[in-house]
Amino acid sequence: MAITGPSTQKAHMSLDFRLSVDGDEVYSRNITHNLNKMAEAAGIYKALWRPDENGITKAHQCIEPLRTGLLELVSNRAHYEQFNSPNGWGLYVHFVPFVTDVLMACCEHPDADVEVSR
């Protein structure tokens, strides 16, 4: 007998950020939700976690917010390291390469559709 209901539903503990062109995935990265506070503080939460709620549909729309946020992250490392997850799942040293990679993918595929799963 299958048991259904909220207690058996999979909890989403991560962000899947994808780019697709004509329905074909051209880029995909995953990162823990534990970094959402760091992303918010750097001004890139909306572009990464909630693009669909903020009118972002194409990769080129993510480029400037991610570029600005990455510069902020790199320029103020000590400030952002305070958002490191105490359990080690969600660290600055993982987030900066993630943001860099997403930014590069958006630059490579500016007309790609942005999709996220949270």
C-alpha atoms as a PDB file:
ATOM      1  CA  MET A   1       0.000   0.000   0.000  1.00  0.00           C
ATOM      2  CA  ALA A   2       1.454   3.348  -1.011  1.00  0.00           C
ATOM      3  CA  ILE A   3       1.382   6.151   1.509  1.00  0.00           C
ATOM      4  CA  THR A   4       0.930   9.611   0.100  1.00  0.00           C
ATOM      5  CA  GLY A   5       0.814  13.045   1.574  1.00  0.00           C
ATOM      6  CA  PRO A   6       3.098  15.822   2.730  1.00  0.00           C
ATOM      7  CA  SER A   7       5.320  13.551   4.825  1.00  0.00           C
ATOM      8  CA  THR A   8       6.303  11.489   1.778  1.00  0.00           C
ATOM      9  CA  GLN A   9       6.889  14.359  -0.632  1.00  0.00           C
ATOM     10  CA  LYS A  10      10.482  15.053  -1.552  1.00  0.00           C
ATOM     11  CA  ALA A  11      11.823  18.195   0.080  1.00  0.00           C
ATOM     12  CA  HIS A  12      13.731  20.368  -2.351  1.00  0.00           C
ATOM     13  CA  MET A  13      17.047  21.195  -0.801  1.00  0.00           C
ATOM     14  CA  SER A  14      18.674  22.717  -3.836  1.00  0.00           C
ATOM     15  CA  LEU A  15      18.368  25.032  -6.786  1.00  0.00           C
ATOM     16  CA  ASP A  16      18.564  23.680 -10.327  1.00  0.00           C
ATOM     17  CA  PHE A  17      19.441  26.457 -12.777  1.00  0.00           C
ATOM     18  CA  ARG A  18      19.072  25.529 -16.444  1.00  0.00           C
ATOM     19  CA  LEU A  19      19.389  27.161 -19.837  1.00  0.00           C
ATOM     20  CA  SER A  20      17.692  25.737 -22.904  1.00  0.00           C
ATOM     21  CA  VAL A  21      17.530  26.591 -26.576  1.00  0.00           C
ATOM     22  CA  ASP A  22      14.558  25.354 -28.593  1.00  0.00           C
ATOM     23  CA  GLY A  23      13.743  22.952 -25.768  1.00  0.00           C
ATOM     24  CA  ASP A  24      17.233  21.432 -25.661  1.00  0.00           C
ATOM     25  CA  GLU A  25      19.177  21.906 -22.439  1.00  0.00           C
ATOM     26  CA  VAL A  26      22.490  23.664 -23.075  1.00  0.00           C
ATOM     27  CA  TYR A  27      23.492  24.231 -19.448  1.00  0.00           C
ATOM     28  CA  SER A  28      22.554  22.967 -16.010  1.00  0.00           C
ATOM     29  CA  ARG A  29      23.959  23.542 -12.517  1.00  0.00           C
ATOM     30  CA  ASN A  30      22.747  22.662  -9.061  1.00  0.00           C
ATOM     31  CA  ILE A  31      23.531  24.281  -5.722  1.00  0.00           C
ATOM     32  CA  THR A  32      22.202  24.065  -2.178  1.00  0.00           C
ATOM     33  CA  HIS A  33      19.424  26.311  -0.914  1.00  0.00           C
ATOM     34  CA  ASN A  34      21.675  27.071   2.065  1.00  0.00           C
ATOM     35  CA  LEU A  35      23.246  29.786  -0.089  1.00  0.00           C
ATOM     36  CA  ASN A  36      20.047  31.757  -0.641  1.00  0.00           C
ATOM     37  CA  LYS A  37      20.819  34.262   2.131  1.00  0.00           C
ATOM     38  CA  MET A  38      24.265  34.920   0.668  1.00  0.00           C
ATOM     39  CA  ALA A  39      22.655  35.358  -2.754  1.00  0.00           C
ATOM     40  CA  GLU A  40      20.102  37.783  -1.336  1.00  0.00           C
ATOM     41  CA  ALA A  41      22.792  39.834   0.396  1.00  0.00           C
ATOM     42  CA  ALA A  42      24.779  40.021  -2.865  1.00  0.00           C
ATOM     43  CA  GLY A  43      21.689  41.090  -4.817  1.00  0.00           C
ATOM     44  CA  ILE A  44      21.476  38.003  -7.021  1.00  0.00           C
ATOM     45  CA  TYR A  45      18.796  35.917  -5.330  1.00  0.00           C
ATOM     46  CA  LYS A  46      16.050  37.070  -7.718  1.00  0.00           C
ATOM     47  CA  ALA A  47      18.118  36.341 -10.824  1.00  0.00           C
ATOM     48  CA  LEU A  48      19.149  32.869  -9.628  1.00  0.00           C
ATOM     49  CA  TRP A  49      16.322  31.559  -7.437  1.00  0.00           C
ATOM     50  CA  ARG A  50      13.284  33.481  -8.705  1.00  0.00           C
ATOM     51  CA  PRO A  51      13.820  34.593 -12.304  1.00  0.00           C
ATOM     52  CA  ASP A  52      10.320  33.452 -13.275  1.00  0.00           C
ATOM     53  CA  GLU A  53       8.795  35.752 -10.644  1.00  0.00           C
ATOM     54  CA  ASN A  54      10.902  38.731 -11.727  1.00  0.00           C
ATOM     55  CA  GLY A  55      10.344  38.851 -15.475  1.00  0.00           C
ATOM     56  CA  ILE A  56      13.582  37.049 -16.339  1.00  0.00           C
ATOM     57  CA  THR A  57      13.007  34.612 -19.171  1.00  0.00           C
ATOM     58  CA  LYS A  58      16.239  34.849 -21.199  1.00  0.00           C
ATOM     59  CA  ALA A  59      19.850  34.349 -20.144  1.00  0.00           C
ATOM     60  CA  HIS A  60      20.931  37.819 -21.262  1.00  0.00           C
ATOM     61  CA  GLN A  61      18.656  39.267 -18.571  1.00  0.00           C
ATOM     62  CA  CYS A  62      20.754  37.532 -15.902  1.00  0.00           C
ATOM     63  CA  ILE A  63      24.115  38.821 -17.095  1.00  0.00           C
ATOM     64  CA  GLU A  64      24.185  42.258 -15.485  1.00  0.00           C
ATOM     65  CA  PRO A  65      22.736  41.228 -12.093  1.00  0.00           C
ATOM     66  CA  LEU A  66      25.132  38.276 -11.922  1.00  0.00           C
ATOM     67  CA  ARG A  67      28.129  40.369 -13.008  1.00  0.00           C
ATOM     68  CA  THR A  68      27.343  43.010 -10.376  1.00  0.00           C
ATOM     69  CA  GLY A  69      26.673  40.394  -7.696  1.00  0.00           C
ATOM     70  CA  LEU A  70      29.840  38.461  -8.471  1.00  0.00           C
ATOM     71  CA  LEU A  71      31.913  41.625  -8.224  1.00  0.00           C
ATOM     72  CA  GLU A  72      30.270  42.332  -4.870  1.00  0.00           C
ATOM     73  CA  LEU A  73      30.957  38.800  -3.623  1.00  0.00           C
ATOM     74  CA  VAL A  74      34.610  38.873  -4.662  1.00  0.00           C
ATOM     75  CA  SER A  75      35.194  42.399  -3.358  1.00  0.00           C
ATOM     76  CA  ASN A  76      33.783  41.673   0.093  1.00  0.00           C
ATOM     77  CA  ARG A  77      34.691  38.076   0.835  1.00  0.00           C
ATOM     78  CA  ALA A  78      34.810  38.427   4.629  1.00  0.00           C
ATOM     79  CA  HIS A  79      31.320  39.929   4.689  1.00  0.00           C
ATOM     80  CA  TYR A  80      29.838  37.111   2.616  1.00  0.00           C
ATOM     81  CA  GLU A  81      31.630  34.342   4.460  1.00  0.00           C
ATOM     82  CA  GLN A  82      29.463  35.181   7.471  1.00  0.00           C
ATOM     83  CA  PHE A  83      26.608  33.599   5.495  1.00  0.00           C
ATOM     84  CA  ASN A  84      28.430  30.250   5.272  1.00  0.00           C
ATOM     85  CA  SER A  85      26.225  27.405   6.427  1.00  0.00           C
ATOM     86  CA  PRO A  86      27.327  26.043   9.808  1.00  0.00           C
ATOM     87  CA  ASN A  87      26.854  22.476   8.567  1.00  0.00           C
ATOM     88  CA  GLY A  88      29.275  23.055   5.672  1.00  0.00           C
ATOM     89  CA  TRP A  89      26.586  22.625   3.004  1.00  0.00           C
ATOM     90  CA  GLY A  90      26.619  26.084   1.457  1.00  0.00           C
ATOM     91  CA  LEU A  91      29.932  27.887   1.541  1.00  0.00           C
ATOM     92  CA  TYR A  92      31.292  31.022  -0.092  1.00  0.00           C
ATOM     93  CA  VAL A  93      34.078  28.977  -1.696  1.00  0.00           C
ATOM     94  CA  HIS A  94      31.420  26.971  -3.555  1.00  0.00           C
ATOM     95  CA  PHE A  95      29.075  29.831  -4.362  1.00  0.00           C
ATOM     96  CA  VAL A  96      31.562  32.114  -6.136  1.00  0.00           C
ATOM     97  CA  PRO A  97      32.526  29.426  -8.697  1.00  0.00           C
ATOM     98  CA  PHE A  98      28.834  28.587  -9.165  1.00  0.00           C
ATOM     99  CA  VAL A  99      27.930  32.220  -9.879  1.00  0.00           C
ATOM    100  CA  THR A 100      30.951  32.559 -12.176  1.00  0.00           C
ATOM    101  CA  ASP A 101      29.924  29.459 -14.098  1.00  0.00           C
ATOM    102  CA  VAL A 102      26.284  30.535 -14.444  1.00  0.00           C
ATOM    103  CA  LEU A 103      27.387  33.978 -15.613  1.00  0.00           C
ATOM    104  CA  MET A 104      29.702  32.470 -18.224  1.00  0.00           C
ATOM    105  CA  ALA A 105      26.911  30.181 -19.458  1.00  0.00           C
ATOM    106  CA  CYS A 106      24.515  33.127 -19.749  1.00  0.00           C
ATOM    107  CA  CYS A 107      27.136  35.029 -21.774  1.00  0.00           C
ATOM    108  CA  GLU A 108      27.682  32.005 -24.032  1.00  0.00           C
ATOM    109  CA  HIS A 109      23.933  31.455 -24.554  1.00  0.00           C
ATOM    110  CA  PRO A 110      22.336  34.908 -24.202  1.00  0.00           C
ATOM    111  CA  ASP A 111      19.145  33.935 -26.032  1.00  0.00           C
ATOM    112  CA  ALA A 112      18.611  30.734 -24.041  1.00  0.00           C
ATOM    113  CA  ASP A 113      15.504  30.278 -21.935  1.00  0.00           C
ATOM    114  CA  VAL A 114      16.089  30.397 -18.177  1.00  0.00           C
ATOM    115  CA  GLU A 115      14.483  27.644 -16.112  1.00  0.00           C
ATOM    116  CA  VAL A 116      14.771  26.910 -12.413  1.00  0.00           C
ATOM    117  CA  SER A 117      13.562  24.229 -10.049  1.00  0.00           C
ATOM    118  CA  ARG A 118      13.548  25.014  -6.371  1.00  0.00           C
END
